[in-house]
PDB file of N, CA and C in Angstrom:
ATOM      1  N   MET A   1       0.844  -1.170   0.000  1.00  0.00           N
ATOM      2  CA  MET A   1       0.000   0.000   0.000  1.00  0.00           C
ATOM      3  C   MET A   1       0.890   1.233   0.000  1.00  0.00           C
ATOM      4  N   ALA A   2       0.560   2.174  -0.834  1.00  0.00           N
ATOM      5  CA  ALA A   2       1.310   3.433  -0.885  1.00  0.00           C
ATOM      6  C   ALA A   2       0.947   4.291   0.325  1.00  0.00           C
ATOM      7  N   ARG A   3       1.906   5.102   0.745  1.00  0.00           N
ATOM      8  CA  ARG A   3       1.672   5.947   1.915  1.00  0.00           C
ATOM      9  C   ARG A   3       2.026   7.387   1.552  1.00  0.00           C
ATOM     10  N   LEU A   4       1.193   8.323   1.979  1.00  0.00           N
ATOM     11  CA  LEU A   4       1.402   9.738   1.719  1.00  0.00           C
ATOM     12  C   LEU A   4       1.391  10.469   3.054  1.00  0.00           C
ATOM     13  N   ASP A   5       2.491  11.111   3.394  1.00  0.00           N
ATOM     14  CA  ASP A   5       2.585  11.856   4.647  1.00  0.00           C
ATOM     15  C   ASP A   5       2.017  13.252   4.419  1.00  0.00           C
ATOM     16  N   LEU A   6       0.965  13.599   5.143  1.00  0.00           N
ATOM     17  CA  LEU A   6       0.317  14.899   4.960  1.00  0.00           C
ATOM     18  C   LEU A   6       1.240  16.061   5.318  1.00  0.00           C
ATOM     19  N   ASP A   7       2.263  15.801   6.133  1.00  0.00           N
ATOM     20  CA  ASP A   7       3.207  16.863   6.485  1.00  0.00           C
ATOM     21  C   ASP A   7       4.049  17.291   5.287  1.00  0.00           C
ATOM     22  N   ASP A   8       4.140  16.430   4.268  1.00  0.00           N
ATOM     23  CA  ASP A   8       4.930  16.750   3.074  1.00  0.00           C
ATOM     24  C   ASP A   8       4.133  17.565   2.055  1.00  0.00           C
ATOM     25  N   LEU A   9       2.843  17.728   2.269  1.00  0.00           N
ATOM     26  CA  LEU A   9       1.973  18.436   1.317  1.00  0.00           C
ATOM     27  C   LEU A   9       1.797  19.892   1.713  1.00  0.00           C
ATOM     28  N   PRO A  10       1.416  20.743   0.751  1.00  0.00           N
ATOM     29  CA  PRO A  10       1.077  22.122   1.107  1.00  0.00           C
ATOM     30  C   PRO A  10      -0.105  22.120   2.089  1.00  0.00           C
ATOM     31  N   PRO A  11      -0.157  23.074   3.003  1.00  0.00           N
ATOM     32  CA  PRO A  11      -1.211  23.095   4.026  1.00  0.00           C
ATOM     33  C   PRO A  11      -2.632  23.031   3.459  1.00  0.00           C
ATOM     34  N   ARG A  12      -2.883  23.696   2.357  1.00  0.00           N
ATOM     35  CA  ARG A  12      -4.231  23.703   1.771  1.00  0.00           C
ATOM     36  C   ARG A  12      -4.648  22.298   1.327  1.00  0.00           C
ATOM     37  N   VAL A  13      -3.727  21.581   0.719  1.00  0.00           N
ATOM     38  CA  VAL A  13      -4.012  20.221   0.247  1.00  0.00           C
ATOM     39  C   VAL A  13      -4.205  19.282   1.441  1.00  0.00           C
ATOM     40  N   ALA A  14      -3.341  19.396   2.441  1.00  0.00           N
ATOM     41  CA  ALA A  14      -3.462  18.555   3.633  1.00  0.00           C
ATOM     42  C   ALA A  14      -4.793  18.799   4.328  1.00  0.00           C
ATOM     43  N   ALA A  15      -5.217  20.061   4.413  1.00  0.00           N
ATOM     44  CA  ALA A  15      -6.503  20.381   5.046  1.00  0.00           C
ATOM     45  C   ALA A  15      -7.662  19.792   4.250  1.00  0.00           C
ATOM     46  N   LEU A  16      -7.596  19.864   2.926  1.00  0.00           N
ATOM     47  CA  LEU A  16      -8.643  19.294   2.084  1.00  0.00           C
ATOM     48  C   LEU A  16      -8.774  17.794   2.327  1.00  0.00           C
ATOM     49  N   LEU A  17      -7.645  17.108   2.418  1.00  0.00           N
ATOM     50  CA  LEU A  17      -7.677  15.660   2.622  1.00  0.00           C
ATOM     51  C   LEU A  17      -8.180  15.278   4.013  1.00  0.00           C
ATOM     52  N   THR A  18      -7.776  16.003   5.028  1.00  0.00           N
ATOM     53  CA  THR A  18      -8.180  15.646   6.388  1.00  0.00           C
ATOM     54  C   THR A  18      -9.614  16.040   6.693  1.00  0.00           C
ATOM     55  N   ASP A  19     -10.175  16.995   5.966  1.00  0.00           N
ATOM     56  CA  ASP A  19     -11.534  17.451   6.242  1.00  0.00           C
ATOM     57  C   ASP A  19     -12.609  16.721   5.443  1.00  0.00           C
ATOM     58  N   LEU A  20     -12.216  15.755   4.613  1.00  0.00           N
ATOM     59  CA  LEU A  20     -13.217  15.024   3.839  1.00  0.00           C
ATOM     60  C   LEU A  20     -14.079  14.165   4.764  1.00  0.00           C
ATOM     61  N   PRO A  21     -15.403  14.282   4.650  1.00  0.00           N
ATOM     62  CA  PRO A  21     -16.250  13.411   5.469  1.00  0.00           C
ATOM     63  C   PRO A  21     -16.221  11.968   4.938  1.00  0.00           C
ATOM     64  N   ALA A  22     -16.521  11.016   5.798  1.00  0.00           N
ATOM     65  CA  ALA A  22     -16.525   9.600   5.405  1.00  0.00           C
ATOM     66  C   ALA A  22     -17.487   9.387   4.250  1.00  0.00           C
ATOM     67  N   GLY A  23     -17.050   8.629   3.258  1.00  0.00           N
ATOM     68  CA  GLY A  23     -17.878   8.327   2.096  1.00  0.00           C
ATOM     69  C   GLY A  23     -17.731   9.324   0.964  1.00  0.00           C
ATOM     70  N   GLU A  24     -17.089  10.445   1.212  1.00  0.00           N
ATOM     71  CA  GLU A  24     -16.890  11.474   0.194  1.00  0.00           C
ATOM     72  C   GLU A  24     -15.743  11.074  -0.729  1.00  0.00           C
ATOM     73  N   GLU A  25     -15.900  11.345  -2.027  1.00  0.00           N
ATOM     74  CA  GLU A  25     -14.846  11.054  -2.992  1.00  0.00           C
ATOM     75  C   GLU A  25     -14.081  12.323  -3.329  1.00  0.00           C
ATOM     76  N   LEU A  26     -12.802  12.168  -3.598  1.00  0.00           N
ATOM     77  CA  LEU A  26     -11.956  13.261  -4.039  1.00  0.00           C
ATOM     78  C   LEU A  26     -11.358  12.852  -5.381  1.00  0.00           C
ATOM     79  N   LEU A  27     -11.587  13.652  -6.411  1.00  0.00           N
ATOM     80  CA  LEU A  27     -11.022  13.373  -7.726  1.00  0.00           C
ATOM     81  C   LEU A  27      -9.631  13.973  -7.818  1.00  0.00           C
ATOM     82  N   LEU A  28      -8.711  13.206  -8.369  1.00  0.00           N
ATOM     83  CA  LEU A  28      -7.370  13.696  -8.643  1.00  0.00           C
ATOM     84  C   LEU A  28      -7.311  14.012 -10.129  1.00  0.00           C
ATOM     85  N   VAL A  29      -7.059  15.283 -10.446  1.00  0.00           N
ATOM     86  CA  VAL A  29      -7.111  15.750 -11.827  1.00  0.00           C
ATOM     87  C   VAL A  29      -5.754  16.322 -12.213  1.00  0.00           C
ATOM     88  N   GLN A  30      -5.305  15.971 -13.431  1.00  0.00           N
ATOM     89  CA  GLN A  30      -4.061  16.523 -13.958  1.00  0.00           C
ATOM     90  C   GLN A  30      -4.300  16.918 -15.408  1.00  0.00           C
ATOM     91  N   HIS A  31      -4.056  18.178 -15.734  1.00  0.00           N
ATOM     92  CA  HIS A  31      -4.275  18.723 -17.081  1.00  0.00           C
ATOM     93  C   HIS A  31      -5.709  18.485 -17.551  1.00  0.00           C
ATOM     94  N   GLY A  32      -6.646  18.581 -16.617  1.00  0.00           N
ATOM     95  CA  GLY A  32      -8.063  18.436 -16.968  1.00  0.00           C
ATOM     96  C   GLY A  32      -8.562  17.010 -17.048  1.00  0.00           C
ATOM     97  N   ALA A  33      -7.706  16.028 -16.882  1.00  0.00           N
ATOM     98  CA  ALA A  33      -8.120  14.622 -16.956  1.00  0.00           C
ATOM     99  C   ALA A  33      -8.104  14.002 -15.554  1.00  0.00           C
ATOM    100  N   VAL A  34      -9.085  13.174 -15.272  1.00  0.00           N
ATOM    101  CA  VAL A  34      -9.139  12.471 -13.992  1.00  0.00           C
ATOM    102  C   VAL A  34      -8.083  11.374 -13.998  1.00  0.00           C
ATOM    103  N   VAL A  35      -7.186  11.430 -13.038  1.00  0.00           N
ATOM    104  CA  VAL A  35      -6.130  10.428 -12.953  1.00  0.00           C
ATOM    105  C   VAL A  35      -6.300   9.507 -11.749  1.00  0.00           C
ATOM    106  N   GLY A  36      -7.245   9.813 -10.877  1.00  0.00           N
ATOM    107  CA  GLY A  36      -7.475   8.945  -9.717  1.00  0.00           C
ATOM    108  C   GLY A  36      -8.623   9.446  -8.869  1.00  0.00           C
ATOM    109  N   ARG A  37      -9.052   8.597  -7.975  1.00  0.00           N
ATOM    110  CA  ARG A  37     -10.111   8.928  -7.022  1.00  0.00           C
ATOM    111  C   ARG A  37      -9.693   8.424  -5.651  1.00  0.00           C
ATOM    112  N   LEU A  38      -9.999   9.211  -4.659  1.00  0.00           N
ATOM    113  CA  LEU A  38      -9.776   8.798  -3.274  1.00  0.00           C
ATOM    114  C   LEU A  38     -11.123   8.788  -2.574  1.00  0.00           C
ATOM    115  N   MET A  39     -11.393   7.738  -1.830  1.00  0.00           N
ATOM    116  CA  MET A  39     -12.628   7.643  -1.060  1.00  0.00           C
ATOM    117  C   MET A  39     -12.264   7.789   0.415  1.00  0.00           C
ATOM    118  N   ALA A  40     -12.865   8.755   1.078  1.00  0.00           N
ATOM    119  CA  ALA A  40     -12.595   8.978   2.498  1.00  0.00           C
ATOM    120  C   ALA A  40     -13.339   7.942   3.323  1.00  0.00           C
ATOM    121  N   SER A  41     -12.720   7.514   4.393  1.00  0.00           N
ATOM    122  CA  SER A  41     -13.366   6.597   5.327  1.00  0.00           C
ATOM    123  C   SER A  41     -13.040   7.059   6.735  1.00  0.00           C
ATOM    124  N   ASN A  42     -13.721   6.498   7.702  1.00  0.00           N
ATOM    125  CA  ASN A  42     -13.439   6.844   9.088  1.00  0.00           C
ATOM    126  C   ASN A  42     -12.082   6.288   9.480  1.00  0.00           C
ATOM    127  N   ALA A  43     -11.354   7.059  10.252  1.00  0.00           N
ATOM    128  CA  ALA A  43     -10.068   6.579  10.741  1.00  0.00           C
ATOM    129  C   ALA A  43     -10.331   5.452  11.734  1.00  0.00           C
ATOM    130  N   PRO A  44      -9.490   4.418  11.722  1.00  0.00           N
ATOM    131  CA  PRO A  44      -9.698   3.321  12.675  1.00  0.00           C
ATOM    132  C   PRO A  44      -9.528   3.820  14.101  1.00  0.00           C
ATOM    133  N   GLU A  45     -10.327   3.242  14.994  1.00  0.00           N
ATOM    134  CA  GLU A  45     -10.231   3.600  16.406  1.00  0.00           C
ATOM    135  C   GLU A  45      -8.909   3.069  16.956  1.00  0.00           C
ATOM    136  N   PRO A  46      -8.262   3.843  17.828  1.00  0.00           N
ATOM    137  CA  PRO A  46      -7.020   3.344  18.420  1.00  0.00           C
ATOM    138  C   PRO A  46      -7.309   2.109  19.269  1.00  0.00           C
ATOM    139  N   GLU A  47      -6.398   1.150  19.211  1.00  0.00           N
ATOM    140  CA  GLU A  47      -6.572  -0.064  19.992  1.00  0.00           C
ATOM    141  C   GLU A  47      -6.436   0.255  21.470  1.00  0.00           C
ATOM    142  N   GLU A  48      -7.274  -0.425  22.257  1.00  0.00           N
ATOM    143  CA  GLU A  48      -7.193  -0.220  23.693  1.00  0.00           C
ATOM    144  C   GLU A  48      -5.976  -0.954  24.230  1.00  0.00           C
ATOM    145  N   THR A  49      -5.240  -0.284  25.079  1.00  0.00           N
ATOM    146  CA  THR A  49      -4.078  -0.905  25.691  1.00  0.00           C
ATOM    147  C   THR A  49      -4.400  -1.202  27.143  1.00  0.00           C
ATOM    148  N   GLU A  50      -3.723  -2.187  27.667  1.00  0.00           N
ATOM    149  CA  GLU A  50      -3.935  -2.521  29.068  1.00  0.00           C
ATOM    150  C   GLU A  50      -3.387  -1.384  29.926  1.00  0.00           C
ATOM    151  N   PRO A  51      -4.046  -1.123  31.051  1.00  0.00           N
ATOM    152  CA  PRO A  51      -3.535  -0.052  31.924  1.00  0.00           C
ATOM    153  C   PRO A  51      -2.144  -0.404  32.426  1.00  0.00           C
ATOM    154  N   GLU A  52      -1.327   0.607  32.546  1.00  0.00           N
ATOM    155  CA  GLU A  52       0.055   0.413  33.003  1.00  0.00           C
ATOM    156  C   GLU A  52       0.039  -0.029  34.462  1.00  0.00           C
ATOM    157  N   LEU A  53       0.774  -1.094  34.755  1.00  0.00           N
ATOM    158  CA  LEU A  53       0.858  -1.606  36.125  1.00  0.00           C
ATOM    159  C   LEU A  53       1.889  -0.812  36.910  1.00  0.00           C
ATOM    160  N   GLU A  54       1.692  -0.821  38.220  1.00  0.00           N
ATOM    161  CA  GLU A  54       2.691  -0.197  39.088  1.00  0.00           C
ATOM    162  C   GLU A  54       3.958  -1.038  39.011  1.00  0.00           C
ATOM    163  N   PRO A  55       5.117  -0.441  39.267  1.00  0.00           N
ATOM    164  CA  PRO A  55       6.385  -1.194  39.153  1.00  0.00           C
ATOM    165  C   PRO A  55       6.397  -2.473  39.997  1.00  0.00           C
ATOM    166  N   ASP A  56       5.849  -2.416  41.220  1.00  0.00           N
ATOM    167  CA  ASP A  56       5.832  -3.613  42.078  1.00  0.00           C
ATOM    168  C   ASP A  56       4.966  -4.707  41.472  1.00  0.00           C
ATOM    169  N   GLN A  57       3.802  -4.327  40.962  1.00  0.00           N
ATOM    170  CA  GLN A  57       2.908  -5.312  40.355  1.00  0.00           C
ATOM    171  C   GLN A  57       3.527  -5.915  39.105  1.00  0.00           C
ATOM    172  N   LYS A  58       4.169  -5.082  38.320  1.00  0.00           N
ATOM    173  CA  LYS A  58       4.807  -5.555  37.096  1.00  0.00           C
ATOM    174  C   LYS A  58       5.927  -6.544  37.433  1.00  0.00           C
ATOM    175  N   LEU A  59       6.722  -6.219  38.421  1.00  0.00           N
ATOM    176  CA  LEU A  59       7.808  -7.092  38.851  1.00  0.00           C
ATOM    177  C   LEU A  59       7.259  -8.418  39.351  1.00  0.00           C
ATOM    178  N   ARG A  60       6.195  -8.370  40.167  1.00  0.00           N
ATOM    179  CA  ARG A  60       5.578  -9.604  40.659  1.00  0.00           C
ATOM    180  C   ARG A  60       5.065 -10.460  39.500  1.00  0.00           C
ATOM    181  N   GLU A  61       4.462  -9.827  38.517  1.00  0.00           N
ATOM    182  CA  GLU A  61       3.927 -10.563  37.373  1.00  0.00           C
ATOM    183  C   GLU A  61       5.046 -11.226  36.573  1.00  0.00           C
ATOM    184  N   VAL A  62       6.149 -10.527  36.380  1.00  0.00           N
ATOM    185  CA  VAL A  62       7.279 -11.094  35.650  1.00  0.00           C
ATOM    186  C   VAL A  62       7.835 -12.305  36.390  1.00  0.00           C
ATOM    187  N   PHE A  63       8.036 -12.180  37.705  1.00  0.00           N
ATOM    188  CA  PHE A  63       8.564 -13.298  38.483  1.00  0.00           C
ATOM    189  C   PHE A  63       7.593 -14.470  38.517  1.00  0.00           C
ATOM    190  N   GLU A  64       6.314 -14.187  38.613  1.00  0.00           N
ATOM    191  CA  GLU A  64       5.298 -15.248  38.618  1.00  0.00           C
ATOM    192  C   GLU A  64       5.305 -16.002  37.290  1.00  0.00           C
ATOM    193  N   ASN A  65       5.394 -15.267  36.183  1.00  0.00           N
ATOM    194  CA  ASN A  65       5.472 -15.922  34.875  1.00  0.00           C
ATOM    195  C   ASN A  65       6.744 -16.760  34.754  1.00  0.00           C
ATOM    196  N   PHE A  66       7.846 -16.254  35.254  1.00  0.00           N
ATOM    197  CA  PHE A  66       9.110 -16.986  35.219  1.00  0.00           C
ATOM    198  C   PHE A  66       9.010 -18.258  36.050  1.00  0.00           C
ATOM    199  N   ARG A  67       8.508 -18.122  37.296  1.00  0.00           N
ATOM    200  CA  ARG A  67       8.375 -19.267  38.184  1.00  0.00           C
ATOM    201  C   ARG A  67       7.471 -20.330  37.572  1.00  0.00           C
ATOM    202  N   SER A  68       6.380 -19.905  37.016  1.00  0.00           N
ATOM    203  CA  SER A  68       5.426 -20.844  36.422  1.00  0.00           C
ATOM    204  C   SER A  68       6.018 -21.547  35.202  1.00  0.00           C
ATOM    205  N   SER A  69       6.806 -20.832  34.395  1.00  0.00           N
ATOM    206  CA  SER A  69       7.430 -21.482  33.229  1.00  0.00           C
ATOM    207  C   SER A  69       8.496 -22.484  33.673  1.00  0.00           C
ATOM    208  N   ILE A  70       9.221 -22.183  34.754  1.00  0.00           N
ATOM    209  CA  ILE A  70      10.224 -23.118  35.274  1.00  0.00           C
ATOM    210  C   ILE A  70       9.533 -24.356  35.810  1.00  0.00           C
ATOM    211  N   GLU A  71       8.445 -24.202  36.547  1.00  0.00           N
ATOM    212  CA  GLU A  71       7.713 -25.341  37.081  1.00  0.00           C
ATOM    213  C   GLU A  71       7.148 -26.212  35.967  1.00  0.00           C
ATOM    214  N   ASP A  72       6.712 -25.589  34.882  1.00  0.00           N
ATOM    215  CA  ASP A  72       6.181 -26.348  33.745  1.00  0.00           C
ATOM    216  C   ASP A  72       7.269 -27.185  33.088  1.00  0.00           C
ATOM    217  N   GLU A  73       8.489 -26.679  33.070  1.00  0.00           N
ATOM    218  CA  GLU A  73       9.593 -27.389  32.427  1.00  0.00           C
ATOM    219  C   GLU A  73      10.040 -28.593  33.246  1.00  0.00           C
ATOM    220  N   PHE A  74      10.006 -28.479  34.585  1.00  0.00           N
ATOM    221  CA  PHE A  74      10.523 -29.546  35.422  1.00  0.00           C
ATOM    222  C   PHE A  74       9.408 -30.168  36.144  1.00  0.00           C
TER     223      PHE A  74
END
């Protein structure tokens, strides 16, 4: 998939692309001829991440996983 960084575009073009509502088409025209179409869609929702554990809890979890893997091996 090709990737286009909006920071590399002139501000007017970047604003046009980011303000397109979902389902709206944008025609790409060069010398009066249509050379492409872009269809706007909703941006994917950010994935939920697990809440950050406190350092003590994280350490306990690491040791528990280690202990359990050692017990499984022997």
